[in-house]
């Protein structure tokens, strides 16, 4: 079941990229690289969250790095 969900995310990303191709052809090389990197990072995060849904989020990282700050903010 997990594999099917990951394949679904990959297919969705592929379809989204295909729909953006006409716009990307007009862009500069840097913009194309930025789009590609952000898309693959998003795809990797989505796949990781499907495989391991209990992964800690960025809030837990901040709480571990700055425990005093998290106490002040609460």
C-alpha atoms as a PDB file:
ATOM      1  CA  UNK A   1       0.000   0.000   0.000  1.00  0.00           C
ATOM      2  CA  UNK A   2       2.868   2.359   0.823  1.00  0.00           C
ATOM      3  CA  UNK A   3       4.487   1.685  -2.539  1.00  0.00           C
ATOM      4  CA  UNK A   4       1.268   2.595  -4.343  1.00  0.00           C
ATOM      5  CA  UNK A   5       1.065   5.898  -2.458  1.00  0.00           C
ATOM      6  CA  UNK A   6       4.686   6.750  -3.297  1.00  0.00           C
ATOM      7  CA  UNK A   7       4.091   5.897  -6.954  1.00  0.00           C
ATOM      8  CA  UNK A   8       1.010   8.134  -6.858  1.00  0.00           C
ATOM      9  CA  UNK A   9       3.069  11.049  -5.540  1.00  0.00           C
ATOM     10  CA  UNK A  10       5.687  10.456  -8.236  1.00  0.00           C
ATOM     11  CA  UNK A  11       3.006  10.384 -10.950  1.00  0.00           C
ATOM     12  CA  UNK A  12       1.404  13.557  -9.589  1.00  0.00           C
ATOM     13  CA  UNK A  13       4.790  15.296  -9.617  1.00  0.00           C
ATOM     14  CA  UNK A  14       5.433  14.094 -13.166  1.00  0.00           C
ATOM     15  CA  UNK A  15       2.048  15.378 -14.377  1.00  0.00           C
ATOM     16  CA  UNK A  16       2.595  18.693 -12.615  1.00  0.00           C
ATOM     17  CA  UNK A  17       6.019  19.054 -14.236  1.00  0.00           C
ATOM     18  CA  UNK A  18       4.584  18.225 -17.667  1.00  0.00           C
ATOM     19  CA  UNK A  19       1.971  20.929 -17.228  1.00  0.00           C
ATOM     20  CA  UNK A  20       4.697  23.450 -16.365  1.00  0.00           C
ATOM     21  CA  UNK A  21       6.991  22.619 -19.313  1.00  0.00           C
ATOM     22  CA  UNK A  22       5.688  25.343 -21.659  1.00  0.00           C
ATOM     23  CA  UNK A  23       6.340  27.966 -18.983  1.00  0.00           C
ATOM     24  CA  UNK A  24       9.725  26.522 -18.054  1.00  0.00           C
ATOM     25  CA  UNK A  25      10.977  26.676 -21.644  1.00  0.00           C
ATOM     26  CA  UNK A  26      10.756  30.471 -21.501  1.00  0.00           C
ATOM     27  CA  UNK A  27      12.699  30.718 -18.230  1.00  0.00           C
ATOM     28  CA  UNK A  28      16.427  31.060 -17.614  1.00  0.00           C
ATOM     29  CA  UNK A  29      18.702  28.180 -16.703  1.00  0.00           C
ATOM     30  CA  UNK A  30      18.826  29.247 -13.045  1.00  0.00           C
ATOM     31  CA  UNK A  31      15.050  29.265 -12.776  1.00  0.00           C
ATOM     32  CA  UNK A  32      14.853  25.808 -14.336  1.00  0.00           C
ATOM     33  CA  UNK A  33      17.415  24.499 -11.842  1.00  0.00           C
ATOM     34  CA  UNK A  34      15.549  26.102  -8.948  1.00  0.00           C
ATOM     35  CA  UNK A  35      12.273  24.518 -10.093  1.00  0.00           C
ATOM     36  CA  UNK A  36      13.942  21.121 -10.451  1.00  0.00           C
ATOM     37  CA  UNK A  37      15.643  21.221  -7.056  1.00  0.00           C
ATOM     38  CA  UNK A  38      12.533  22.401  -5.209  1.00  0.00           C
ATOM     39  CA  UNK A  39      10.394  19.795  -6.974  1.00  0.00           C
ATOM     40  CA  UNK A  40      12.730  16.915  -6.129  1.00  0.00           C
ATOM     41  CA  UNK A  41      13.123  18.060  -2.526  1.00  0.00           C
ATOM     42  CA  UNK A  42       9.337  18.226  -2.178  1.00  0.00           C
ATOM     43  CA  UNK A  43       9.005  14.800  -3.755  1.00  0.00           C
ATOM     44  CA  UNK A  44      11.568  13.348  -1.346  1.00  0.00           C
ATOM     45  CA  UNK A  45       9.856  14.878   1.690  1.00  0.00           C
ATOM     46  CA  UNK A  46       6.450  13.622   0.534  1.00  0.00           C
ATOM     47  CA  UNK A  47       7.800  10.101   0.002  1.00  0.00           C
ATOM     48  CA  UNK A  48       9.510  10.121   3.409  1.00  0.00           C
ATOM     49  CA  UNK A  49       6.327  11.235   5.137  1.00  0.00           C
ATOM     50  CA  UNK A  50       4.391   8.457   3.412  1.00  0.00           C
ATOM     51  CA  UNK A  51       6.924   5.810   4.431  1.00  0.00           C
ATOM     52  CA  UNK A  52       7.546   7.160   7.959  1.00  0.00           C
ATOM     53  CA  UNK A  53       4.645   9.397   9.034  1.00  0.00           C
ATOM     54  CA  UNK A  54       6.031   9.791  12.580  1.00  0.00           C
ATOM     55  CA  UNK A  55       9.085  11.776  11.492  1.00  0.00           C
ATOM     56  CA  UNK A  56       9.689  14.851  13.628  1.00  0.00           C
ATOM     57  CA  UNK A  57       8.898  18.200  12.080  1.00  0.00           C
ATOM     58  CA  UNK A  58      10.845  21.442  12.109  1.00  0.00           C
ATOM     59  CA  UNK A  59       9.208  22.509  15.375  1.00  0.00           C
ATOM     60  CA  UNK A  60      10.793  19.598  17.236  1.00  0.00           C
ATOM     61  CA  UNK A  61      14.195  20.547  15.804  1.00  0.00           C
ATOM     62  CA  UNK A  62      13.855  24.116  17.082  1.00  0.00           C
ATOM     63  CA  UNK A  63      12.738  22.845  20.488  1.00  0.00           C
ATOM     64  CA  UNK A  64      15.828  20.649  20.756  1.00  0.00           C
ATOM     65  CA  UNK A  65      18.239  23.331  19.566  1.00  0.00           C
ATOM     66  CA  UNK A  66      16.761  26.133  21.665  1.00  0.00           C
ATOM     67  CA  UNK A  67      14.993  24.667  24.707  1.00  0.00           C
ATOM     68  CA  UNK A  68      14.917  28.009  26.548  1.00  0.00           C
ATOM     69  CA  UNK A  69      13.307  29.730  23.586  1.00  0.00           C
ATOM     70  CA  UNK A  70      10.557  27.128  23.396  1.00  0.00           C
ATOM     71  CA  UNK A  71       9.807  27.632  27.114  1.00  0.00           C
ATOM     72  CA  UNK A  72       9.633  31.404  26.655  1.00  0.00           C
ATOM     73  CA  UNK A  73       7.294  31.100  23.676  1.00  0.00           C
ATOM     74  CA  UNK A  74       4.887  28.829  25.581  1.00  0.00           C
END
